C-alpha cells in the first residue's frame, strides 16, 4: 500500500532493515531507496510503496538537528533523500548488517542511538532554533519582518541561515508549519 508523505518541517535519517521502498522523485522518476538515507525538507508530498516486508526505523530531527549533528548544508537536501554511504565516522554497510542482525526493535533503537551519539560534535548553537520556536508557537502565522525585528537580524542573514541549517527559507518553513497545523486540525 502506497503511503503519502506530506511536508512537515522536519528532516529524517531512515534505516531500512527489511525490504526497501520505491518512490517517485520530483522529476517523476521511479527509484528504490537505499538502506540508509538522509531525507531533507520536502516542499510537496511524496509517495512511498513497500516492495515487500517493511522494516524501517526513522529518526525525525528538529529543523536544525541534522545541521547540528553533521554540519552539512541542508539546502543541498531539499526535496532529496540521499544515500548515507558517506556518513562520517560510520561504516554504513557494516552498521546495516549489524542492524539487520539485531533481534528486537528496542535493541535496534539502542544500536542506532549509541552510534549516532558517538557522532555528536561539540554543541553547535544557532539563533535559528529560537526563530523556529517562534514560528512553531505561532503555528506559522508570523511575519518575517517581526521575526527579524525580534531577533535583531537582517532579511538576508535570516534567509542564508535558514537555508544552511534548516534547508528552506524561514518564510517557506512558516508555510510548512501552517500546513502541518491545518492538517493536524483536519485529522
Foldseek 3Di string as FASTA:
>chain_A
DKDKDAFQLWKKKKAWLDAWKWWQAPVRDIDTDDRIKIAATELGIIIIGGPDDTDMDMDIDHLQGVCQLPVFFRLVRYSHIDDVCVPPPDNVVVLSVVLNPDDDPVVSVVSVVVVSVVRRDPGDDDCVVVLSVVLLVVLLPDDPVVVCVVVVHDQVVQQVVCCRRRNGGSNSSSVSSNVNVVVVVVD
